C-alpha atoms as a PDB file:
ATOM      1  CA  MET A   1    -104.873 -10.611 -17.459  1.00  0.00           C
ATOM      2  CA  LYS A   2    -101.071 -10.798 -17.960  1.00  0.00           C
ATOM      3  CA  ARG A   3    -100.956  -8.324 -15.907  1.00  0.00           C
ATOM      4  CA  LYS A   4    -102.970  -9.037 -13.219  1.00  0.00           C
ATOM      5  CA  ILE A   5    -101.328 -12.722 -13.088  1.00  0.00           C
ATOM      6  CA  ILE A   6     -97.748 -11.166 -13.128  1.00  0.00           C
ATOM      7  CA  ASN A   7     -98.612  -8.846 -10.152  1.00  0.00           C
ATOM      8  CA  TYR A   8     -99.882 -12.062  -8.241  1.00  0.00           C
ATOM      9  CA  ILE A   9     -97.030 -13.697  -9.178  1.00  0.00           C
ATOM     10  CA  LEU A  10     -94.312 -10.590  -7.795  1.00  0.00           C
ATOM     11  CA  PHE A  11     -96.667 -10.268  -4.750  1.00  0.00           C
ATOM     12  CA  LEU A  12     -96.451 -14.035  -3.761  1.00  0.00           C
ATOM     13  CA  ILE A  13     -92.404 -13.870  -4.551  1.00  0.00           C
ATOM     14  CA  ILE A  14     -92.501 -10.925  -2.088  1.00  0.00           C
ATOM     15  CA  GLY A  15     -94.360 -12.404  -0.010  1.00  0.00           C
ATOM     16  CA  ILE A  16     -92.404 -15.874   0.455  1.00  0.00           C
ATOM     17  CA  ILE A  17     -89.198 -13.733   0.903  1.00  0.00           C
ATOM     18  CA  ILE A  18     -90.333 -11.740   3.263  1.00  0.00           C
ATOM     19  CA  GLY A  19     -91.581 -14.548   5.368  1.00  0.00           C
ATOM     20  CA  SER A  20     -88.532 -16.636   5.266  1.00  0.00           C
ATOM     21  CA  SER A  21     -86.593 -13.799   5.710  1.00  0.00           C
ATOM     22  CA  THR A  22     -88.250 -13.225   8.746  1.00  0.00           C
ATOM     23  CA  THR A  23     -88.241 -17.291   9.737  1.00  0.00           C
ATOM     24  CA  PHE A  24     -84.650 -17.175   9.861  1.00  0.00           C
ATOM     25  CA  VAL A  25     -83.998 -13.823  11.805  1.00  0.00           C
ATOM     26  CA  ILE A  26     -86.827 -15.614  14.425  1.00  0.00           C
ATOM     27  CA  MET A  27     -84.902 -19.180  14.334  1.00  0.00           C
ATOM     28  CA  TYR A  28     -81.643 -17.570  14.479  1.00  0.00           C
ATOM     29  CA  LYS A  29     -82.588 -15.130  17.311  1.00  0.00           C
ATOM     30  CA  LYS A  30     -83.655 -18.145  19.416  1.00  0.00           C
ATOM     31  CA  ASP A  31     -81.370 -20.263  18.184  1.00  0.00           C
ATOM     32  CA  GLU A  32     -78.464 -17.575  19.414  1.00  0.00           C
ATOM     33  CA  ASN A  33     -79.968 -17.648  22.663  1.00  0.00           C
ATOM     34  CA  ASN A  34     -80.108 -21.503  23.919  1.00  0.00           C
ATOM     35  CA  ASN A  35     -76.648 -21.612  22.459  1.00  0.00           C
ATOM     36  CA  SER A  36     -75.804 -18.645  25.003  1.00  0.00           C
ATOM     37  CA  SER A  37     -77.532 -20.222  27.204  1.00  0.00           C
ATOM     38  CA  ILE A  38     -75.623 -23.642  26.990  1.00  0.00           C
ATOM     39  CA  GLN A  39     -72.175 -22.079  27.141  1.00  0.00           C
ATOM     40  CA  GLU A  40     -73.336 -19.981  30.470  1.00  0.00           C
ATOM     41  CA  ALA A  41     -74.425 -23.300  31.985  1.00  0.00           C
ATOM     42  CA  ILE A  42     -71.066 -25.306  30.619  1.00  0.00           C
ATOM     43  CA  THR A  43     -68.974 -21.792  31.972  1.00  0.00           C
ATOM     44  CA  LYS A  44     -71.046 -22.331  35.242  1.00  0.00           C
ATOM     45  CA  GLU A  45     -69.974 -26.075  36.055  1.00  0.00           C
ATOM     46  CA  THR A  46     -66.510 -25.691  34.927  1.00  0.00           C
ATOM     47  CA  LYS A  47     -66.224 -22.800  37.626  1.00  0.00           C
ATOM     48  CA  LYS A  48     -68.145 -25.377  40.007  1.00  0.00           C
ATOM     49  CA  ILE A  49     -65.621 -28.393  39.015  1.00  0.00           C
ATOM     50  CA  LEU A  50     -62.815 -25.486  39.599  1.00  0.00           C
ATOM     51  CA  LEU A  51     -64.118 -24.151  43.184  1.00  0.00           C
ATOM     52  CA  ARG A  52     -64.305 -27.771  43.985  1.00  0.00           C
ATOM     53  CA  ASN A  53     -60.475 -28.613  43.648  1.00  0.00           C
ATOM     54  CA  ASP A  54     -59.612 -25.489  45.711  1.00  0.00           C
ATOM     55  CA  MET A  55     -61.712 -26.315  48.488  1.00  0.00           C
ATOM     56  CA  TYR A  56     -60.049 -29.298  48.782  1.00  0.00           C
ATOM     57  CA  ASN A  57     -56.687 -27.420  47.982  1.00  0.00           C
ATOM     58  CA  TYR A  58     -57.911 -25.518  51.249  1.00  0.00           C
ATOM     59  CA  VAL A  59     -58.141 -28.067  53.213  1.00  0.00           C
ATOM     60  CA  GLU A  60     -54.970 -29.643  52.787  1.00  0.00           C
ATOM     61  CA  THR A  61     -53.351 -26.561  53.376  1.00  0.00           C
ATOM     62  CA  ILE A  62     -54.867 -25.483  56.022  1.00  0.00           C
ATOM     63  CA  GLU A  63     -54.144 -28.727  57.527  1.00  0.00           C
ATOM     64  CA  LYS A  64     -50.693 -28.843  56.831  1.00  0.00           C
ATOM     65  CA  SER A  65     -50.510 -25.251  58.650  1.00  0.00           C
ATOM     66  CA  ILE A  66     -52.085 -26.709  61.802  1.00  0.00           C
ATOM     67  CA  LYS A  67     -49.446 -29.455  61.274  1.00  0.00           C
ATOM     68  CA  ASP A  68     -46.650 -27.357  61.250  1.00  0.00           C
ATOM     69  CA  ILE A  69     -48.090 -24.489  63.925  1.00  0.00           C
ATOM     70  CA  LEU A  70     -47.979 -27.626  66.051  1.00  0.00           C
ATOM     71  CA  ASP A  71     -44.921 -29.443  65.475  1.00  0.00           C
ATOM     72  CA  GLU A  72     -42.984 -25.881  66.152  1.00  0.00           C
ATOM     73  CA  ASP A  73     -45.119 -25.057  69.612  1.00  0.00           C
ATOM     74  CA  GLU A  74     -45.175 -28.297  71.365  1.00  0.00           C
ATOM     75  CA  LYS A  75     -47.303 -26.591  74.227  1.00  0.00           C
ATOM     76  CA  ILE A  76     -50.695 -26.124  72.143  1.00  0.00           C
ATOM     77  CA  VAL A  77     -53.132 -28.579  73.027  1.00  0.00           C
ATOM     78  CA  LEU A  78     -55.115 -28.649  70.514  1.00  0.00           C
ATOM     79  CA  LYS A  79     -58.629 -29.130  71.248  1.00  0.00           C
ATOM     80  CA  LYS A  80     -61.792 -30.171  68.838  1.00  0.00           C
ATOM     81  CA  CYS A  81     -62.694 -25.407  67.822  1.00  0.00           C
ATOM     82  CA  ASP A  82     -64.050 -23.532  65.116  1.00  0.00           C
ATOM     83  CA  LEU A  83     -62.081 -20.994  63.591  1.00  0.00           C
ATOM     84  CA  VAL A  84     -63.705 -18.330  61.357  1.00  0.00           C
ATOM     85  CA  PHE A  85     -61.857 -16.640  58.739  1.00  0.00           C
ATOM     86  CA  LYS A  86     -61.660 -12.311  59.643  1.00  0.00           C
ATOM     87  CA  GLU A  87     -58.900 -10.604  57.846  1.00  0.00           C
ATOM     88  CA  ASP A  88     -57.134 -12.582  55.995  1.00  0.00           C
ATOM     89  CA  VAL A  89     -56.482 -15.272  59.459  1.00  0.00           C
ATOM     90  CA  PHE A  90     -58.888 -18.240  60.358  1.00  0.00           C
ATOM     91  CA  MET A  91     -59.215 -17.504  64.279  1.00  0.00           C
ATOM     92  CA  GLU A  92     -60.780 -19.473  66.946  1.00  0.00           C
ATOM     93  CA  ILE A  93     -64.204 -18.527  68.230  1.00  0.00           C
ATOM     94  CA  ASP A  94     -66.232 -19.254  71.333  1.00  0.00           C
ATOM     95  CA  GLU A  95     -69.618 -20.768  71.774  1.00  0.00           C
ATOM     96  CA  ASP A  96     -70.728 -17.119  71.155  1.00  0.00           C
ATOM     97  CA  GLU A  97     -69.284 -16.456  68.336  1.00  0.00           C
ATOM     98  CA  GLN A  98     -66.462 -14.530  69.952  1.00  0.00           C
ATOM     99  CA  ILE A  99     -63.207 -14.365  69.013  1.00  0.00           C
ATOM    100  CA  VAL A 100     -61.286 -15.563  71.246  1.00  0.00           C
ATOM    101  CA  GLU A 101     -57.945 -13.240  72.050  1.00  0.00           C
ATOM    102  CA  LYS A 102     -55.588 -15.924  72.890  1.00  0.00           C
ATOM    103  CA  GLY A 103     -57.383 -18.572  70.912  1.00  0.00           C
ATOM    104  CA  PHE A 104     -55.730 -20.574  68.022  1.00  0.00           C
ATOM    105  CA  ARG A 105     -54.860 -18.681  65.153  1.00  0.00           C
ATOM    106  CA  ILE A 106     -53.748 -20.124  61.139  1.00  0.00           C
ATOM    107  CA  GLU A 107     -52.027 -16.986  59.539  1.00  0.00           C
ATOM    108  CA  ASP A 108     -50.195 -16.710  56.231  1.00  0.00           C
ATOM    109  CA  ILE A 109     -51.978 -19.183  55.006  1.00  0.00           C
ATOM    110  CA  PRO A 110     -50.940 -19.838  50.810  1.00  0.00           C
ATOM    111  CA  PHE A 111     -53.886 -20.002  49.407  1.00  0.00           C
ATOM    112  CA  LYS A 112     -53.520 -21.476  45.340  1.00  0.00           C
ATOM    113  CA  SER A 113     -56.572 -19.272  44.524  1.00  0.00           C
ATOM    114  CA  ALA A 114     -58.858 -16.411  46.048  1.00  0.00           C
ATOM    115  CA  THR A 115     -58.639 -15.404  48.957  1.00  0.00           C
ATOM    116  CA  PRO A 116     -61.551 -17.082  51.527  1.00  0.00           C
ATOM    117  CA  LEU A 117     -64.200 -14.096  52.227  1.00  0.00           C
ATOM    118  CA  ASP A 118     -64.357 -13.066  55.772  1.00  0.00           C
ATOM    119  CA  ASN A 119     -67.143 -15.152  57.879  1.00  0.00           C
ATOM    120  CA  SER A 120     -65.669 -18.126  56.483  1.00  0.00           C
ATOM    121  CA  ILE A 121     -65.706 -21.080  59.140  1.00  0.00           C
ATOM    122  CA  ILE A 122     -63.951 -24.122  59.525  1.00  0.00           C
ATOM    123  CA  THR A 123     -64.194 -27.081  62.239  1.00  0.00           C
ATOM    124  CA  ILE A 124     -60.827 -28.581  63.449  1.00  0.00           C
ATOM    125  CA  ASN A 125     -60.694 -31.916  65.794  1.00  0.00           C
ATOM    126  CA  ASP A 126     -58.319 -32.774  68.611  1.00  0.00           C
ATOM    127  CA  LYS A 127     -55.837 -34.424  65.504  1.00  0.00           C
ATOM    128  CA  GLY A 128     -55.253 -31.144  63.988  1.00  0.00           C
ATOM    129  CA  LYS A 129     -57.482 -32.141  61.008  1.00  0.00           C
ATOM    130  CA  ILE A 130     -60.680 -30.268  59.923  1.00  0.00           C
ATOM    131  CA  GLU A 131     -63.922 -32.055  60.457  1.00  0.00           C
ATOM    132  CA  GLU A 132     -66.514 -29.591  58.553  1.00  0.00           C
ATOM    133  CA  ALA A 133     -65.615 -26.636  56.495  1.00  0.00           C
ATOM    134  CA  THR A 134     -68.033 -23.449  55.146  1.00  0.00           C
ATOM    135  CA  ILE A 135     -65.666 -21.089  52.729  1.00  0.00           C
ATOM    136  CA  TYR A 136     -67.074 -18.302  50.706  1.00  0.00           C
ATOM    137  CA  VAL A 137     -65.149 -16.941  47.827  1.00  0.00           C
ATOM    138  CA  GLU A 138     -66.275 -15.919  44.611  1.00  0.00           C
ATOM    139  CA  GLY A 139     -69.809 -15.906  44.609  1.00  0.00           C
ATOM    140  CA  TYR A 140     -70.060 -19.397  45.959  1.00  0.00           C
ATOM    141  CA  LYS A 141     -70.210 -21.572  49.056  1.00  0.00           C
ATOM    142  CA  LEU A 142     -67.899 -24.111  49.255  1.00  0.00           C
ATOM    143  CA  HIS A 143     -68.848 -26.722  51.998  1.00  0.00           C
ATOM    144  CA  TYR A 144     -66.269 -29.756  53.002  1.00  0.00           C
ATOM    145  CA  ASP A 145     -67.655 -32.617  55.330  1.00  0.00           C
ATOM    146  CA  PHE A 146     -64.771 -34.538  55.368  1.00  0.00           C
ATOM    147  CA  LEU A 147     -66.263 -36.612  52.771  1.00  0.00           C
ATOM    148  CA  SER A 148     -67.442 -34.594  50.073  1.00  0.00           C
ATOM    149  CA  VAL A 149     -67.347 -30.816  48.694  1.00  0.00           C
ATOM    150  CA  SER A 150     -70.530 -29.044  48.012  1.00  0.00           C
ATOM    151  CA  VAL A 151     -70.927 -25.922  46.194  1.00  0.00           C
ATOM    152  CA  GLU A 152     -73.861 -23.617  45.687  1.00  0.00           C
ATOM    153  CA  SER A 153     -73.945 -20.286  44.122  1.00  0.00           C
ATOM    154  CA  THR A 154     -74.353 -17.247  46.884  1.00  0.00           C
ATOM    155  CA  GLU A 155     -75.799 -14.778  44.236  1.00  0.00           C
END
């Protein structure tokens, strides 16, 4: 009789140990998944903030480049136009999205961070200010509308 009681107690203790261990492993794994998803979300939001700041830097750099070009060559009469980024140069495009061969160009822009991808586009007014810009960089679409910058993932 004592042997049966001891066997039941041992069986109960072993069951508690196995159950506790399994519960711990499951809860630890779940907590680990939550922590990594929180870290990923924080990293993603931090990246968006940095890219938003970069977009303001892009706008400032491009507007300064436009001003420098206009100051150097007083013959240029600027009109509202769209510039597309191709091969490290912003080039004027017409209504049919064709590059204007002798159009306005902005070259040698010293970007503070990653260089925009081709097909990034900006619209400048006749005063040389950016009205609107869409720049693709590092897997994100940055859109500037003269008031603010929105950041969307393209992946």
